[in-house]
């Protein structure tokens, strides 16, 4: 029988602000990270557009125009 070749895991491409981030799941199913959850949430709030929150008046991204709705195909 031929042996299977093992390949080294490639590092995921991440934002330089999150350099050193590692996320693992332990044997109990808990998510374990190398960063504080509050820091991760702050980074996500600043850099990721949440489409559910776009039209809220208290949204921090009020200066951006609302996204266009996709066109539906004609029947």
C-alpha atoms as a PDB file:
ATOM      1  CA  UNK A   1       0.000   0.000   0.000  1.00  0.00           C
ATOM      2  CA  UNK A   2       1.206   3.477  -0.832  1.00  0.00           C
ATOM      3  CA  UNK A   3       1.611   5.965   1.960  1.00  0.00           C
ATOM      4  CA  UNK A   4      -0.377   9.165   1.818  1.00  0.00           C
ATOM      5  CA  UNK A   5       1.667  12.311   1.490  1.00  0.00           C
ATOM      6  CA  UNK A   6       0.984  14.874   4.152  1.00  0.00           C
ATOM      7  CA  UNK A   7       1.063  18.494   3.173  1.00  0.00           C
ATOM      8  CA  UNK A   8       1.756  21.408   5.447  1.00  0.00           C
ATOM      9  CA  UNK A   9      -1.202  23.636   6.224  1.00  0.00           C
ATOM     10  CA  UNK A  10      -1.086  26.961   4.453  1.00  0.00           C
ATOM     11  CA  UNK A  11      -1.635  30.069   6.510  1.00  0.00           C
ATOM     12  CA  UNK A  12      -4.814  31.928   5.695  1.00  0.00           C
ATOM     13  CA  UNK A  13      -4.513  35.428   4.267  1.00  0.00           C
ATOM     14  CA  UNK A  14      -5.646  37.874   6.917  1.00  0.00           C
ATOM     15  CA  UNK A  15      -5.691  41.603   7.455  1.00  0.00           C
ATOM     16  CA  UNK A  16      -2.404  42.906   8.916  1.00  0.00           C
ATOM     17  CA  UNK A  17      -4.376  44.359  11.846  1.00  0.00           C
ATOM     18  CA  UNK A  18      -5.214  40.804  12.916  1.00  0.00           C
ATOM     19  CA  UNK A  19      -1.708  39.404  12.593  1.00  0.00           C
ATOM     20  CA  UNK A  20      -1.249  36.550  15.045  1.00  0.00           C
ATOM     21  CA  UNK A  21      -4.924  35.607  15.198  1.00  0.00           C
ATOM     22  CA  UNK A  22      -5.616  31.927  15.601  1.00  0.00           C
ATOM     23  CA  UNK A  23      -9.042  30.357  16.008  1.00  0.00           C
ATOM     24  CA  UNK A  24      -9.438  26.753  17.141  1.00  0.00           C
ATOM     25  CA  UNK A  25     -12.241  24.549  18.408  1.00  0.00           C
ATOM     26  CA  UNK A  26     -11.416  22.448  21.446  1.00  0.00           C
ATOM     27  CA  UNK A  27     -12.716  18.957  22.208  1.00  0.00           C
ATOM     28  CA  UNK A  28     -15.779  20.404  23.963  1.00  0.00           C
ATOM     29  CA  UNK A  29     -16.794  22.405  20.886  1.00  0.00           C
ATOM     30  CA  UNK A  30     -15.767  25.765  22.341  1.00  0.00           C
ATOM     31  CA  UNK A  31     -14.180  28.368  20.079  1.00  0.00           C
ATOM     32  CA  UNK A  32     -10.744  29.349  21.388  1.00  0.00           C
ATOM     33  CA  UNK A  33      -9.048  32.449  19.968  1.00  0.00           C
ATOM     34  CA  UNK A  34      -5.737  34.152  20.575  1.00  0.00           C
ATOM     35  CA  UNK A  35      -7.413  37.603  20.564  1.00  0.00           C
ATOM     36  CA  UNK A  36      -9.932  39.113  22.919  1.00  0.00           C
ATOM     37  CA  UNK A  37     -13.484  38.813  21.583  1.00  0.00           C
ATOM     38  CA  UNK A  38     -14.104  42.540  22.160  1.00  0.00           C
ATOM     39  CA  UNK A  39     -11.119  43.434  19.937  1.00  0.00           C
ATOM     40  CA  UNK A  40     -12.404  41.113  17.211  1.00  0.00           C
ATOM     41  CA  UNK A  41     -15.887  42.630  17.387  1.00  0.00           C
ATOM     42  CA  UNK A  42     -14.479  46.155  17.212  1.00  0.00           C
ATOM     43  CA  UNK A  43     -12.408  45.225  14.137  1.00  0.00           C
ATOM     44  CA  UNK A  44     -15.433  43.659  12.441  1.00  0.00           C
ATOM     45  CA  UNK A  45     -17.639  46.676  13.212  1.00  0.00           C
ATOM     46  CA  UNK A  46     -15.094  49.007  11.619  1.00  0.00           C
ATOM     47  CA  UNK A  47     -14.201  46.928   8.549  1.00  0.00           C
ATOM     48  CA  UNK A  48     -17.165  44.745   7.582  1.00  0.00           C
ATOM     49  CA  UNK A  49     -20.389  46.032   6.096  1.00  0.00           C
ATOM     50  CA  UNK A  50     -23.415  44.427   7.754  1.00  0.00           C
ATOM     51  CA  UNK A  51     -26.235  44.480   5.214  1.00  0.00           C
ATOM     52  CA  UNK A  52     -28.875  44.045   7.923  1.00  0.00           C
ATOM     53  CA  UNK A  53     -27.783  47.287   9.587  1.00  0.00           C
ATOM     54  CA  UNK A  54     -27.339  49.477   6.472  1.00  0.00           C
ATOM     55  CA  UNK A  55     -30.648  51.342   6.722  1.00  0.00           C
ATOM     56  CA  UNK A  56     -30.597  52.007  10.456  1.00  0.00           C
ATOM     57  CA  UNK A  57     -30.380  55.700  11.385  1.00  0.00           C
ATOM     58  CA  UNK A  58     -27.846  55.036  14.172  1.00  0.00           C
ATOM     59  CA  UNK A  59     -25.506  53.218  11.784  1.00  0.00           C
ATOM     60  CA  UNK A  60     -21.938  54.617  11.791  1.00  0.00           C
ATOM     61  CA  UNK A  61     -21.806  54.363   7.981  1.00  0.00           C
ATOM     62  CA  UNK A  62     -24.425  57.003   7.203  1.00  0.00           C
ATOM     63  CA  UNK A  63     -22.225  58.768   4.632  1.00  0.00           C
ATOM     64  CA  UNK A  64     -22.266  55.763   2.288  1.00  0.00           C
ATOM     65  CA  UNK A  65     -25.143  55.501  -0.187  1.00  0.00           C
ATOM     66  CA  UNK A  66     -27.465  52.544   0.282  1.00  0.00           C
ATOM     67  CA  UNK A  67     -26.621  49.522  -1.814  1.00  0.00           C
ATOM     68  CA  UNK A  68     -28.687  48.878  -4.926  1.00  0.00           C
ATOM     69  CA  UNK A  69     -31.005  45.914  -4.880  1.00  0.00           C
ATOM     70  CA  UNK A  70     -30.174  43.191  -7.379  1.00  0.00           C
ATOM     71  CA  UNK A  71     -32.362  43.100 -10.449  1.00  0.00           C
ATOM     72  CA  UNK A  72     -34.755  40.224 -10.652  1.00  0.00           C
ATOM     73  CA  UNK A  73     -34.819  38.308 -13.932  1.00  0.00           C
ATOM     74  CA  UNK A  74     -37.803  38.888 -16.161  1.00  0.00           C
ATOM     75  CA  UNK A  75     -40.092  35.965 -16.764  1.00  0.00           C
END
